[in-house]
Amino acid sequence: MNKFNGLSMDIEQTEREKLAAVFPQCFSEGKLDIDKLLNLCGEYIDEDAVLSI
């Protein structure tokens, strides 16, 4: 039987840890640098560009 401590899981922290494990170079002082991540993935969104769906 599993016991729970009554505290909520920090899902966002868990996801950040997963990203940091795969892309450690995209993190600085524990924060994600989204521009570095997008550049590594070959995707870069120009702030001046208009996006359409």
C-alpha atoms as a PDB file:
ATOM      1  CA  MET A   1       0.000   0.000   0.000  1.00  0.00           C
ATOM      2  CA  ASN A   2       1.318   3.439  -0.954  1.00  0.00           C
ATOM      3  CA  LYS A   3       1.361   6.170   1.644  1.00  0.00           C
ATOM      4  CA  PHE A   4       0.953   9.814   0.712  1.00  0.00           C
ATOM      5  CA  ASN A   5       2.357  12.761   2.610  1.00  0.00           C
ATOM      6  CA  GLY A   6      -0.618  15.022   1.882  1.00  0.00           C
ATOM      7  CA  LEU A   7       1.437  17.479  -0.138  1.00  0.00           C
ATOM      8  CA  SER A   8       0.739  18.272  -3.778  1.00  0.00           C
ATOM      9  CA  MET A   9       3.233  17.143  -6.371  1.00  0.00           C
ATOM     10  CA  ASP A  10       5.159  19.930  -8.071  1.00  0.00           C
ATOM     11  CA  ILE A  11       4.467  18.816 -11.617  1.00  0.00           C
ATOM     12  CA  GLU A  12       6.189  21.839 -13.150  1.00  0.00           C
ATOM     13  CA  GLN A  13       9.380  21.111 -11.199  1.00  0.00           C
ATOM     14  CA  THR A  14       9.276  17.498 -12.313  1.00  0.00           C
ATOM     15  CA  GLU A  15       8.982  18.558 -15.960  1.00  0.00           C
ATOM     16  CA  ARG A  16      11.835  21.089 -15.579  1.00  0.00           C
ATOM     17  CA  GLU A  17      14.014  18.314 -14.148  1.00  0.00           C
ATOM     18  CA  LYS A  18      13.247  16.125 -17.157  1.00  0.00           C
ATOM     19  CA  LEU A  19      14.187  18.933 -19.553  1.00  0.00           C
ATOM     20  CA  ALA A  20      17.364  19.677 -17.590  1.00  0.00           C
ATOM     21  CA  ALA A  21      18.385  16.021 -17.838  1.00  0.00           C
ATOM     22  CA  VAL A  22      18.113  16.109 -21.633  1.00  0.00           C
ATOM     23  CA  PHE A  23      19.104  19.743 -22.298  1.00  0.00           C
ATOM     24  CA  PRO A  24      21.339  20.869 -19.411  1.00  0.00           C
ATOM     25  CA  GLN A  25      22.880  23.596 -21.583  1.00  0.00           C
ATOM     26  CA  CYS A  26      19.475  25.325 -21.731  1.00  0.00           C
ATOM     27  CA  PHE A  27      19.414  26.007 -18.000  1.00  0.00           C
ATOM     28  CA  SER A  28      21.145  28.760 -16.093  1.00  0.00           C
ATOM     29  CA  GLU A  29      20.777  29.140 -12.329  1.00  0.00           C
ATOM     30  CA  GLY A  30      17.946  26.618 -12.431  1.00  0.00           C
ATOM     31  CA  LYS A  31      15.925  28.569 -14.993  1.00  0.00           C
ATOM     32  CA  LEU A  32      15.103  27.523 -18.528  1.00  0.00           C
ATOM     33  CA  ASP A  33      16.484  29.683 -21.333  1.00  0.00           C
ATOM     34  CA  ILE A  34      13.746  29.100 -23.881  1.00  0.00           C
ATOM     35  CA  ASP A  35      15.722  30.748 -26.698  1.00  0.00           C
ATOM     36  CA  LYS A  36      18.551  28.235 -26.257  1.00  0.00           C
ATOM     37  CA  LEU A  37      16.068  25.373 -26.222  1.00  0.00           C
ATOM     38  CA  LEU A  38      14.334  26.558 -29.382  1.00  0.00           C
ATOM     39  CA  ASN A  39      17.671  27.041 -31.154  1.00  0.00           C
ATOM     40  CA  LEU A  40      18.766  23.514 -30.226  1.00  0.00           C
ATOM     41  CA  CYS A  41      15.508  22.113 -31.554  1.00  0.00           C
ATOM     42  CA  GLY A  42      15.846  24.009 -34.826  1.00  0.00           C
ATOM     43  CA  GLU A  43      12.894  26.214 -34.011  1.00  0.00           C
ATOM     44  CA  TYR A  44      13.214  29.909 -33.409  1.00  0.00           C
ATOM     45  CA  ILE A  45      10.325  32.303 -33.212  1.00  0.00           C
ATOM     46  CA  ASP A  46      11.156  35.811 -34.330  1.00  0.00           C
ATOM     47  CA  GLU A  47       9.483  38.291 -31.997  1.00  0.00           C
ATOM     48  CA  ASP A  48       8.693  40.532 -34.978  1.00  0.00           C
ATOM     49  CA  ALA A  49       7.049  37.771 -36.990  1.00  0.00           C
ATOM     50  CA  VAL A  50       3.309  37.314 -36.953  1.00  0.00           C
ATOM     51  CA  LEU A  51       2.273  33.776 -36.220  1.00  0.00           C
ATOM     52  CA  SER A  52      -0.806  32.264 -37.784  1.00  0.00           C
ATOM     53  CA  ILE A  53      -2.557  29.036 -36.950  1.00  0.00           C
END
